[in-house]
PDB file of N, CA and C in Angstrom:
ATOM      1  N   MET A   1     122.304 279.435 184.341  1.00  0.00           N
ATOM      2  CA  MET A   1     121.316 279.341 185.392  1.00  0.00           C
ATOM      3  C   MET A   1     120.609 280.678 185.605  1.00  0.00           C
ATOM      4  N   ALA A   2     121.293 281.734 185.399  1.00  0.00           N
ATOM      5  CA  ALA A   2     120.663 283.049 185.561  1.00  0.00           C
ATOM      6  C   ALA A   2     119.535 283.230 184.558  1.00  0.00           C
ATOM      7  N   TYR A   3     119.668 282.612 183.385  1.00  0.00           N
ATOM      8  CA  TYR A   3     118.630 282.748 182.362  1.00  0.00           C
ATOM      9  C   TYR A   3     117.373 281.975 182.729  1.00  0.00           C
ATOM     10  N   ALA A   4     117.493 280.961 183.530  1.00  0.00           N
ATOM     11  CA  ALA A   4     116.318 280.184 183.921  1.00  0.00           C
ATOM     12  C   ALA A   4     115.408 280.989 184.836  1.00  0.00           C
ATOM     13  N   ARG A   5     115.943 281.942 185.568  1.00  0.00           N
ATOM     14  CA  ARG A   5     115.143 282.740 186.488  1.00  0.00           C
ATOM     15  C   ARG A   5     114.351 283.843 185.769  1.00  0.00           C
ATOM     16  N   VAL A   6     114.821 284.331 184.675  1.00  0.00           N
ATOM     17  CA  VAL A   6     114.167 285.434 183.976  1.00  0.00           C
ATOM     18  C   VAL A   6     112.752 285.065 183.533  1.00  0.00           C
ATOM     19  N   PRO A   7     112.526 283.935 182.869  1.00  0.00           N
ATOM     20  CA  PRO A   7     111.152 283.615 182.480  1.00  0.00           C
ATOM     21  C   PRO A   7     110.213 283.464 183.671  1.00  0.00           C
ATOM     22  N   ILE A   8     110.708 282.987 184.776  1.00  0.00           N
ATOM     23  CA  ILE A   8     109.866 282.826 185.954  1.00  0.00           C
ATOM     24  C   ILE A   8     109.414 284.194 186.472  1.00  0.00           C
ATOM     25  N   LYS A   9     110.325 285.164 186.518  1.00  0.00           N
ATOM     26  CA  LYS A   9     109.989 286.499 186.978  1.00  0.00           C
ATOM     27  C   LYS A   9     108.990 287.161 186.033  1.00  0.00           C
ATOM     28  N   VAL A  10     109.169 287.009 184.741  1.00  0.00           N
ATOM     29  CA  VAL A  10     108.254 287.589 183.762  1.00  0.00           C
ATOM     30  C   VAL A  10     106.868 286.973 183.915  1.00  0.00           C
ATOM     31  N   LYS A  11     106.815 285.665 184.104  1.00  0.00           N
ATOM     32  CA  LYS A  11     105.533 284.979 184.261  1.00  0.00           C
ATOM     33  C   LYS A  11     104.818 285.459 185.517  1.00  0.00           C
ATOM     34  N   GLU A  12     105.558 285.657 186.601  1.00  0.00           N
ATOM     35  CA  GLU A  12     104.958 286.134 187.841  1.00  0.00           C
ATOM     36  C   GLU A  12     104.375 287.530 187.646  1.00  0.00           C
ATOM     37  N   LYS A  13     105.054 288.392 186.915  1.00  0.00           N
ATOM     38  CA  LYS A  13     104.556 289.742 186.671  1.00  0.00           C
ATOM     39  C   LYS A  13     103.267 289.702 185.869  1.00  0.00           C
ATOM     40  N   LYS A  14     103.198 288.850 184.859  1.00  0.00           N
ATOM     41  CA  LYS A  14     101.992 288.763 184.046  1.00  0.00           C
ATOM     42  C   LYS A  14     100.810 288.309 184.880  1.00  0.00           C
ATOM     43  N   GLU A  15     101.013 287.314 185.712  1.00  0.00           N
ATOM     44  CA  GLU A  15      99.930 286.826 186.562  1.00  0.00           C
ATOM     45  C   GLU A  15      99.505 287.894 187.561  1.00  0.00           C
ATOM     46  N   ALA A  16     100.464 288.617 188.097  1.00  0.00           N
ATOM     47  CA  ALA A  16     100.146 289.671 189.061  1.00  0.00           C
ATOM     48  C   ALA A  16      99.350 290.780 188.383  1.00  0.00           C
ATOM     49  N   ASN A  17      99.651 291.078 187.132  1.00  0.00           N
ATOM     50  CA  ASN A  17      98.938 292.128 186.409  1.00  0.00           C
ATOM     51  C   ASN A  17      97.520 291.711 186.038  1.00  0.00           C
ATOM     52  N   LYS A  18      97.282 290.431 185.836  1.00  0.00           N
ATOM     53  CA  LYS A  18      95.962 289.961 185.432  1.00  0.00           C
ATOM     54  C   LYS A  18      94.944 290.092 186.563  1.00  0.00           C
ATOM     55  N   LYS A  19      95.366 289.889 187.779  1.00  0.00           N
ATOM     56  CA  LYS A  19      94.432 289.924 188.906  1.00  0.00           C
ATOM     57  C   LYS A  19      93.794 291.300 189.091  1.00  0.00           C
ATOM     58  N   PRO A  20      94.560 292.391 189.110  1.00  0.00           N
ATOM     59  CA  PRO A  20      93.913 293.702 189.236  1.00  0.00           C
ATOM     60  C   PRO A  20      93.033 294.037 188.027  1.00  0.00           C
ATOM     61  N   GLN A  21      93.444 293.624 186.844  1.00  0.00           N
ATOM     62  CA  GLN A  21      92.642 293.893 185.656  1.00  0.00           C
ATOM     63  C   GLN A  21      91.315 293.145 185.732  1.00  0.00           C
ATOM     64  N   LYS A  22      91.371 291.901 186.201  1.00  0.00           N
ATOM     65  CA  LYS A  22      90.146 291.113 186.315  1.00  0.00           C
ATOM     66  C   LYS A  22      89.221 291.737 187.360  1.00  0.00           C
ATOM     67  N   ALA A  23      89.784 292.186 188.458  1.00  0.00           N
ATOM     68  CA  ALA A  23      88.982 292.825 189.497  1.00  0.00           C
ATOM     69  C   ALA A  23      88.352 294.112 188.964  1.00  0.00           C
ATOM     70  N   ALA A  24      89.106 294.855 188.175  1.00  0.00           N
ATOM     71  CA  ALA A  24      88.580 296.097 187.596  1.00  0.00           C
ATOM     72  C   ALA A  24      87.437 295.804 186.629  1.00  0.00           C
ATOM     73  N   ARG A  25      87.574 294.744 185.839  1.00  0.00           N
ATOM     74  CA  ARG A  25      86.501 294.371 184.906  1.00  0.00           C
ATOM     75  C   ARG A  25      85.242 293.969 185.655  1.00  0.00           C
ATOM     76  N   ILE A  26      85.407 293.250 186.753  1.00  0.00           N
ATOM     77  CA  ILE A  26      84.255 292.817 187.555  1.00  0.00           C
ATOM     78  C   ILE A  26      83.558 294.036 188.164  1.00  0.00           C
ATOM     79  N   LYS A  27      84.348 294.995 188.681  1.00  0.00           N
ATOM     80  CA  LYS A  27      83.755 296.204 189.257  1.00  0.00           C
ATOM     81  C   LYS A  27      83.020 297.009 188.195  1.00  0.00           C
ATOM     82  N   LYS A  28      83.602 297.089 187.010  1.00  0.00           N
ATOM     83  CA  LYS A  28      82.969 297.840 185.919  1.00  0.00           C
ATOM     84  C   LYS A  28      81.653 297.188 185.514  1.00  0.00           C
ATOM     85  N   ALA A  29      81.637 295.867 185.428  1.00  0.00           N
ATOM     86  CA  ALA A  29      80.411 295.149 185.072  1.00  0.00           C
ATOM     87  C   ALA A  29      79.342 295.365 186.140  1.00  0.00           C
ATOM     88  N   ALA A  30      79.733 295.341 187.397  1.00  0.00           N
ATOM     89  CA  ALA A  30      78.781 295.569 188.485  1.00  0.00           C
ATOM     90  C   ALA A  30      78.228 296.988 188.431  1.00  0.00           C
ATOM     91  N   ALA A  31      79.077 297.954 188.091  1.00  0.00           N
ATOM     92  CA  ALA A  31      78.621 299.336 187.965  1.00  0.00           C
ATOM     93  C   ALA A  31      77.621 299.478 186.822  1.00  0.00           C
ATOM     94  N   ASN A  32      77.857 298.784 185.715  1.00  0.00           N
ATOM     95  CA  ASN A  32      76.930 298.833 184.589  1.00  0.00           C
ATOM     96  C   ASN A  32      75.568 298.264 184.968  1.00  0.00           C
ATOM     97  N   VAL A  33      75.553 297.170 185.723  1.00  0.00           N
ATOM     98  CA  VAL A  33      74.287 296.572 186.168  1.00  0.00           C
ATOM     99  C   VAL A  33      73.560 297.550 187.083  1.00  0.00           C
ATOM    100  N   THR A  34      74.286 298.205 187.978  1.00  0.00           N
ATOM    101  CA  THR A  34      73.687 299.185 188.877  1.00  0.00           C
ATOM    102  C   THR A  34      73.084 300.335 188.089  1.00  0.00           C
ATOM    103  N   MET A  35      73.793 300.816 187.061  1.00  0.00           N
ATOM    104  CA  MET A  35      73.279 301.910 186.234  1.00  0.00           C
ATOM    105  C   MET A  35      71.992 301.493 185.526  1.00  0.00           C
ATOM    106  N   LEU A  36      71.916 300.252 185.077  1.00  0.00           N
ATOM    107  CA  LEU A  36      70.694 299.783 184.430  1.00  0.00           C
ATOM    108  C   LEU A  36      69.527 299.784 185.407  1.00  0.00           C
ATOM    109  N   LYS A  37      69.780 299.384 186.649  1.00  0.00           N
ATOM    110  CA  LYS A  37      68.732 299.378 187.654  1.00  0.00           C
ATOM    111  C   LYS A  37      68.270 300.798 187.955  1.00  0.00           C
ATOM    112  N   ILE A  38      69.219 301.721 188.077  1.00  0.00           N
ATOM    113  CA  ILE A  38      68.879 303.108 188.341  1.00  0.00           C
ATOM    114  C   ILE A  38      68.064 303.666 187.184  1.00  0.00           C
ATOM    115  N   SER A  39      68.471 303.392 185.978  1.00  0.00           N
ATOM    116  CA  SER A  39      67.758 303.908 184.815  1.00  0.00           C
ATOM    117  C   SER A  39      66.339 303.380 184.755  1.00  0.00           C
ATOM    118  N   ALA A  40      66.160 302.111 185.031  1.00  0.00           N
ATOM    119  CA  ALA A  40      64.819 301.530 185.010  1.00  0.00           C
ATOM    120  C   ALA A  40      63.945 302.167 186.086  1.00  0.00           C
ATOM    121  N   ASN A  41      64.501 302.427 187.249  1.00  0.00           N
ATOM    122  CA  ASN A  41      63.745 303.070 188.315  1.00  0.00           C
ATOM    123  C   ASN A  41      63.384 304.502 187.935  1.00  0.00           C
ATOM    124  N   GLU A  42      64.306 305.202 187.313  1.00  0.00           N
ATOM    125  CA  GLU A  42      64.057 306.588 186.932  1.00  0.00           C
ATOM    126  C   GLU A  42      62.922 306.698 185.922  1.00  0.00           C
ATOM    127  N   LEU A  43      62.786 305.717 185.058  1.00  0.00           N
ATOM    128  CA  LEU A  43      61.732 305.761 184.059  1.00  0.00           C
ATOM    129  C   LEU A  43      60.349 305.666 184.686  1.00  0.00           C
ATOM    130  N   SER A  44      60.259 305.006 185.823  1.00  0.00           N
ATOM    131  CA  SER A  44      58.956 304.857 186.476  1.00  0.00           C
ATOM    132  C   SER A  44      58.667 305.982 187.466  1.00  0.00           C
ATOM    133  N   GLU A  45      59.638 306.866 187.685  1.00  0.00           N
ATOM    134  CA  GLU A  45      59.428 307.992 188.595  1.00  0.00           C
ATOM    135  C   GLU A  45      58.761 309.148 187.858  1.00  0.00           C
ATOM    136  N   PRO A  46      57.885 309.890 188.540  1.00  0.00           N
ATOM    137  CA  PRO A  46      57.248 311.049 187.894  1.00  0.00           C
ATOM    138  C   PRO A  46      58.195 312.249 187.868  1.00  0.00           C
ATOM    139  N   ARG A  47      59.150 312.204 186.953  1.00  0.00           N
ATOM    140  CA  ARG A  47      60.152 313.271 186.856  1.00  0.00           C
ATOM    141  C   ARG A  47      60.392 313.722 185.426  1.00  0.00           C
ATOM    142  N   TRP A  48      59.461 313.432 184.537  1.00  0.00           N
ATOM    143  CA  TRP A  48      59.645 313.707 183.113  1.00  0.00           C
ATOM    144  C   TRP A  48      58.670 314.769 182.623  1.00  0.00           C
ATOM    145  N   SER A  49      59.113 315.558 181.657  1.00  0.00           N
ATOM    146  CA  SER A  49      58.299 316.610 181.063  1.00  0.00           C
ATOM    147  C   SER A  49      58.318 316.482 179.549  1.00  0.00           C
ATOM    148  N   VAL A  50      57.244 316.977 178.918  1.00  0.00           N
ATOM    149  CA  VAL A  50      57.191 317.071 177.464  1.00  0.00           C
ATOM    150  C   VAL A  50      57.255 318.555 177.133  1.00  0.00           C
ATOM    151  N   VAL A  51      58.243 318.937 176.341  1.00  0.00           N
ATOM    152  CA  VAL A  51      58.403 320.336 175.962  1.00  0.00           C
ATOM    153  C   VAL A  51      58.258 320.484 174.454  1.00  0.00           C
ATOM    154  N   THR A  52      57.865 321.691 174.046  1.00  0.00           N
ATOM    155  CA  THR A  52      57.788 322.046 172.626  1.00  0.00           C
ATOM    156  C   THR A  52      58.771 323.191 172.406  1.00  0.00           C
ATOM    157  N   PHE A  53      58.776 323.735 171.207  1.00  0.00           N
ATOM    158  CA  PHE A  53      59.635 324.890 170.954  1.00  0.00           C
ATOM    159  C   PHE A  53      59.220 326.087 171.807  1.00  0.00           C
ATOM    160  N   GLU A  54      57.921 326.220 172.083  1.00  0.00           N
ATOM    161  CA  GLU A  54      57.416 327.404 172.774  1.00  0.00           C
ATOM    162  C   GLU A  54      57.232 327.243 174.274  1.00  0.00           C
ATOM    163  N   ARG A  55      56.943 326.030 174.753  1.00  0.00           N
ATOM    164  CA  ARG A  55      56.534 325.899 176.147  1.00  0.00           C
ATOM    165  C   ARG A  55      56.763 324.488 176.675  1.00  0.00           C
ATOM    166  N   CYS A  56      56.528 324.348 177.976  1.00  0.00           N
ATOM    167  CA  CYS A  56      56.493 323.030 178.613  1.00  0.00           C
ATOM    168  C   CYS A  56      55.041 322.575 178.560  1.00  0.00           C
ATOM    169  N   ALA A  57      54.762 321.534 177.796  1.00  0.00           N
ATOM    170  CA  ALA A  57      53.384 321.079 177.586  1.00  0.00           C
ATOM    171  C   ALA A  57      52.854 320.281 178.774  1.00  0.00           C
ATOM    172  N   ALA A  58      53.691 319.489 179.422  1.00  0.00           N
ATOM    173  CA  ALA A  58      53.270 318.679 180.575  1.00  0.00           C
ATOM    174  C   ALA A  58      54.496 318.337 181.402  1.00  0.00           C
ATOM    175  N   SER A  59      54.308 318.197 182.704  1.00  0.00           N
ATOM    176  CA  SER A  59      55.434 317.849 183.573  1.00  0.00           C
ATOM    177  C   SER A  59      54.976 316.915 184.675  1.00  0.00           C
ATOM    178  N   ASN A  60      55.942 316.450 185.455  1.00  0.00           N
ATOM    179  CA  ASN A  60      55.692 315.529 186.571  1.00  0.00           C
ATOM    180  C   ASN A  60      55.028 314.240 186.090  1.00  0.00           C
ATOM    181  N   LEU A  61      55.572 313.671 185.006  1.00  0.00           N
ATOM    182  CA  LEU A  61      55.032 312.443 184.412  1.00  0.00           C
ATOM    183  C   LEU A  61      56.048 311.314 184.532  1.00  0.00           C
ATOM    184  N   THR A  62      55.555 310.072 184.525  1.00  0.00           N
ATOM    185  CA  THR A  62      56.467 308.948 184.349  1.00  0.00           C
ATOM    186  C   THR A  62      56.867 308.947 182.873  1.00  0.00           C
ATOM    187  N   TYR A  63      57.882 308.199 182.525  1.00  0.00           N
ATOM    188  CA  TYR A  63      58.328 308.209 181.140  1.00  0.00           C
ATOM    189  C   TYR A  63      57.248 307.661 180.211  1.00  0.00           C
ATOM    190  N   GLY A  64      56.529 306.649 180.650  1.00  0.00           N
ATOM    191  CA  GLY A  64      55.440 306.090 179.852  1.00  0.00           C
ATOM    192  C   GLY A  64      54.335 307.108 179.613  1.00  0.00           C
ATOM    193  N   GLU A  65      53.988 307.862 180.659  1.00  0.00           N
ATOM    194  CA  GLU A  65      52.977 308.909 180.507  1.00  0.00           C
ATOM    195  C   GLU A  65      53.473 310.011 179.573  1.00  0.00           C
ATOM    196  N   ALA A  66      54.771 310.309 179.654  1.00  0.00           N
ATOM    197  CA  ALA A  66      55.349 311.336 178.781  1.00  0.00           C
ATOM    198  C   ALA A  66      55.271 310.907 177.318  1.00  0.00           C
ATOM    199  N   ILE A  67      55.483 309.634 177.054  1.00  0.00           N
ATOM    200  CA  ILE A  67      55.370 309.124 175.683  1.00  0.00           C
ATOM    201  C   ILE A  67      53.933 309.279 175.182  1.00  0.00           C
ATOM    202  N   GLN A  68      52.967 308.963 176.039  1.00  0.00           N
ATOM    203  CA  GLN A  68      51.551 309.105 175.653  1.00  0.00           C
ATOM    204  C   GLN A  68      51.215 310.567 175.359  1.00  0.00           C
ATOM    205  N   GLU A  69      51.697 311.471 176.193  1.00  0.00           N
ATOM    206  CA  GLU A  69      51.445 312.904 175.985  1.00  0.00           C
ATOM    207  C   GLU A  69      52.109 313.383 174.691  1.00  0.00           C
ATOM    208  N   LEU A  70      53.314 312.901 174.445  1.00  0.00           N
ATOM    209  CA  LEU A  70      54.023 313.260 173.219  1.00  0.00           C
ATOM    210  C   LEU A  70      53.238 312.796 171.987  1.00  0.00           C
ATOM    211  N   GLU A  71      52.687 311.595 172.044  1.00  0.00           N
ATOM    212  CA  GLU A  71      51.907 311.069 170.921  1.00  0.00           C
ATOM    213  C   GLU A  71      50.627 311.886 170.696  1.00  0.00           C
ATOM    214  N   LYS A  72      49.982 312.337 171.791  1.00  0.00           N
ATOM    215  CA  LYS A  72      48.796 313.186 171.649  1.00  0.00           C
ATOM    216  C   LYS A  72      49.150 314.497 170.944  1.00  0.00           C
ATOM    217  N   LEU A  73      50.267 315.082 171.362  1.00  0.00           N
ATOM    218  CA  LEU A  73      50.686 316.349 170.760  1.00  0.00           C
ATOM    219  C   LEU A  73      51.132 316.169 169.313  1.00  0.00           C
ATOM    220  N   GLN A  74      51.722 315.024 169.007  1.00  0.00           N
ATOM    221  CA  GLN A  74      52.093 314.742 167.615  1.00  0.00           C
ATOM    222  C   GLN A  74      50.851 314.655 166.744  1.00  0.00           C
ATOM    223  N   ALA A  75      49.776 314.070 167.265  1.00  0.00           N
ATOM    224  CA  ALA A  75      48.523 313.969 166.524  1.00  0.00           C
ATOM    225  C   ALA A  75      47.950 315.357 166.244  1.00  0.00           C
ATOM    226  N   GLN A  76      48.236 316.312 167.129  1.00  0.00           N
ATOM    227  CA  GLN A  76      47.796 317.690 166.933  1.00  0.00           C
ATOM    228  C   GLN A  76      48.785 318.487 166.078  1.00  0.00           C
ATOM    229  N   GLN A  77      49.800 317.809 165.592  1.00  0.00           N
ATOM    230  CA  GLN A  77      50.855 318.378 164.745  1.00  0.00           C
ATOM    231  C   GLN A  77      51.617 319.501 165.446  1.00  0.00           C
ATOM    232  N   THR A  78      51.892 319.304 166.728  1.00  0.00           N
ATOM    233  CA  THR A  78      52.717 320.237 167.488  1.00  0.00           C
ATOM    234  C   THR A  78      54.170 319.976 167.136  1.00  0.00           C
ATOM    235  N   SER A  79      54.923 321.024 166.887  1.00  0.00           N
ATOM    236  CA  SER A  79      56.317 320.838 166.475  1.00  0.00           C
ATOM    237  C   SER A  79      57.280 321.023 167.641  1.00  0.00           C
ATOM    238  N   GLY A  80      58.458 320.461 167.492  1.00  0.00           N
ATOM    239  CA  GLY A  80      59.523 320.615 168.476  1.00  0.00           C
ATOM    240  C   GLY A  80      59.332 319.809 169.742  1.00  0.00           C
ATOM    241  N   LEU A  81      58.727 318.653 169.661  1.00  0.00           N
ATOM    242  CA  LEU A  81      58.445 317.852 170.852  1.00  0.00           C
ATOM    243  C   LEU A  81      59.686 317.125 171.351  1.00  0.00           C
ATOM    244  N   CYS A  82      59.806 317.078 172.656  1.00  0.00           N
ATOM    245  CA  CYS A  82      60.944 316.396 173.268  1.00  0.00           C
ATOM    246  C   CYS A  82      60.571 316.004 174.693  1.00  0.00           C
ATOM    247  N   ILE A  83      61.088 314.871 175.137  1.00  0.00           N
ATOM    248  CA  ILE A  83      60.908 314.444 176.524  1.00  0.00           C
ATOM    249  C   ILE A  83      62.201 314.738 177.269  1.00  0.00           C
ATOM    250  N   VAL A  84      62.087 315.494 178.350  1.00  0.00           N
ATOM    251  CA  VAL A  84      63.244 315.859 179.173  1.00  0.00           C
ATOM    252  C   VAL A  84      62.859 315.691 180.640  1.00  0.00           C
ATOM    253  N   THR A  85      63.842 315.812 181.514  1.00  0.00           N
ATOM    254  CA  THR A  85      63.536 315.763 182.946  1.00  0.00           C
ATOM    255  C   THR A  85      62.839 317.054 183.359  1.00  0.00           C
ATOM    256  N   ASP A  86      62.141 317.013 184.470  1.00  0.00           N
ATOM    257  CA  ASP A  86      61.476 318.212 184.980  1.00  0.00           C
ATOM    258  C   ASP A  86      62.488 319.329 185.237  1.00  0.00           C
ATOM    259  N   GLU A  87      63.651 318.950 185.719  1.00  0.00           N
ATOM    260  CA  GLU A  87      64.709 319.932 185.996  1.00  0.00           C
ATOM    261  C   GLU A  87      65.113 320.672 184.722  1.00  0.00           C
ATOM    262  N   ALA A  88      65.293 319.938 183.640  1.00  0.00           N
ATOM    263  CA  ALA A  88      65.664 320.563 182.367  1.00  0.00           C
ATOM    264  C   ALA A  88      64.528 321.444 181.847  1.00  0.00           C
ATOM    265  N   ALA A  89      63.296 321.010 182.015  1.00  0.00           N
ATOM    266  CA  ALA A  89      62.146 321.799 181.568  1.00  0.00           C
ATOM    267  C   ALA A  89      62.058 323.119 182.333  1.00  0.00           C
ATOM    268  N   GLN A  90      62.369 323.088 183.614  1.00  0.00           N
ATOM    269  CA  GLN A  90      62.356 324.318 184.402  1.00  0.00           C
ATOM    270  C   GLN A  90      63.416 325.293 183.909  1.00  0.00           C
ATOM    271  N   ARG A  91      64.582 324.779 183.531  1.00  0.00           N
ATOM    272  CA  ARG A  91      65.632 325.651 182.997  1.00  0.00           C
ATOM    273  C   ARG A  91      65.180 326.316 181.706  1.00  0.00           C
ATOM    274  N   VAL A  92      64.500 325.557 180.863  1.00  0.00           N
ATOM    275  CA  VAL A  92      64.002 326.102 179.599  1.00  0.00           C
ATOM    276  C   VAL A  92      62.993 327.210 179.890  1.00  0.00           C
ATOM    277  N   GLU A  93      62.083 326.974 180.809  1.00  0.00           N
ATOM    278  CA  GLU A  93      61.079 327.980 181.171  1.00  0.00           C
ATOM    279  C   GLU A  93      61.736 329.226 181.748  1.00  0.00           C
ATOM    280  N   ASN A  94      62.742 329.038 182.600  1.00  0.00           N
ATOM    281  CA  ASN A  94      63.423 330.186 183.206  1.00  0.00           C
ATOM    282  C   ASN A  94      64.138 331.029 182.151  1.00  0.00           C
ATOM    283  N   LYS A  95      64.783 330.398 181.201  1.00  0.00           N
ATOM    284  CA  LYS A  95      65.458 331.136 180.144  1.00  0.00           C
ATOM    285  C   LYS A  95      64.455 331.898 179.290  1.00  0.00           C
ATOM    286  N   LYS A  96      63.311 331.288 179.026  1.00  0.00           N
ATOM    287  CA  LYS A  96      62.274 331.935 178.225  1.00  0.00           C
ATOM    288  C   LYS A  96      61.758 333.174 178.952  1.00  0.00           C
ATOM    289  N   GLN A  97      61.531 333.065 180.249  1.00  0.00           N
ATOM    290  CA  GLN A  97      61.056 334.195 181.034  1.00  0.00           C
ATOM    291  C   GLN A  97      62.084 335.324 181.059  1.00  0.00           C
ATOM    292  N   LYS A  98      63.356 334.984 181.172  1.00  0.00           N
ATOM    293  CA  LYS A  98      64.407 336.002 181.176  1.00  0.00           C
ATOM    294  C   LYS A  98      64.450 336.744 179.842  1.00  0.00           C
ATOM    295  N   ARG A  99      64.297 336.001 178.739  1.00  0.00           N
ATOM    296  CA  ARG A  99      64.295 336.643 177.423  1.00  0.00           C
ATOM    297  C   ARG A  99      63.114 337.591 177.277  1.00  0.00           C
ATOM    298  N   GLN A 100      61.952 337.177 177.752  1.00  0.00           N
ATOM    299  CA  GLN A 100      60.758 338.026 177.661  1.00  0.00           C
ATOM    300  C   GLN A 100      60.930 339.294 178.488  1.00  0.00           C
ATOM    301  N   MET A 101      61.527 339.172 179.654  1.00  0.00           N
ATOM    302  CA  MET A 101      61.733 340.338 180.499  1.00  0.00           C
ATOM    303  C   MET A 101      62.731 341.298 179.870  1.00  0.00           C
ATOM    304  N   SER A 102      63.776 340.769 179.247  1.00  0.00           N
ATOM    305  CA  SER A 102      64.764 341.652 178.636  1.00  0.00           C
ATOM    306  C   SER A 102      64.171 342.364 177.418  1.00  0.00           C
ATOM    307  N   LYS A 103      63.268 341.715 176.689  1.00  0.00           N
ATOM    308  CA  LYS A 103      62.596 342.361 175.564  1.00  0.00           C
ATOM    309  C   LYS A 103      61.694 343.493 176.048  1.00  0.00           C
ATOM    310  N   ARG A 104      61.033 343.300 177.170  1.00  0.00           N
ATOM    311  CA  ARG A 104      60.144 344.328 177.731  1.00  0.00           C
ATOM    312  C   ARG A 104      60.931 345.556 178.168  1.00  0.00           C
ATOM    313  N   ASN A 105      62.138 345.305 178.684  1.00  0.00           N
ATOM    314  CA  ASN A 105      62.957 346.406 179.174  1.00  0.00           C
ATOM    315  C   ASN A 105      63.532 347.255 178.050  1.00  0.00           C
ATOM    316  N   LEU A 106      63.571 346.715 176.861  1.00  0.00           N
ATOM    317  CA  LEU A 106      64.094 347.481 175.724  1.00  0.00           C
ATOM    318  C   LEU A 106      63.072 348.477 175.325  1.00  0.00           C
TER     319      LEU A 106
END
């Protein structure tokens, strides 16, 4: 009779473990949907820049506008084109300015 209870306890543990896992999967799926919504909204916000190896060519653009600007610069055979956020473009500009200042001081 003691052996009849063991399978019941094991079965209860498996069922108990499935519920938290299922809840975690549902939360993860909901988070993924939220991330997709955020990403789509970010693409329509004017927060994108087009940078080259030498400079920031344009900033404060929507992603669609940034693509158009990138295509114009490609037609002019500008090298090193990339679309980044305005924040990243500012960091690139700041580093470039620091390098120029350190060269002047030498």
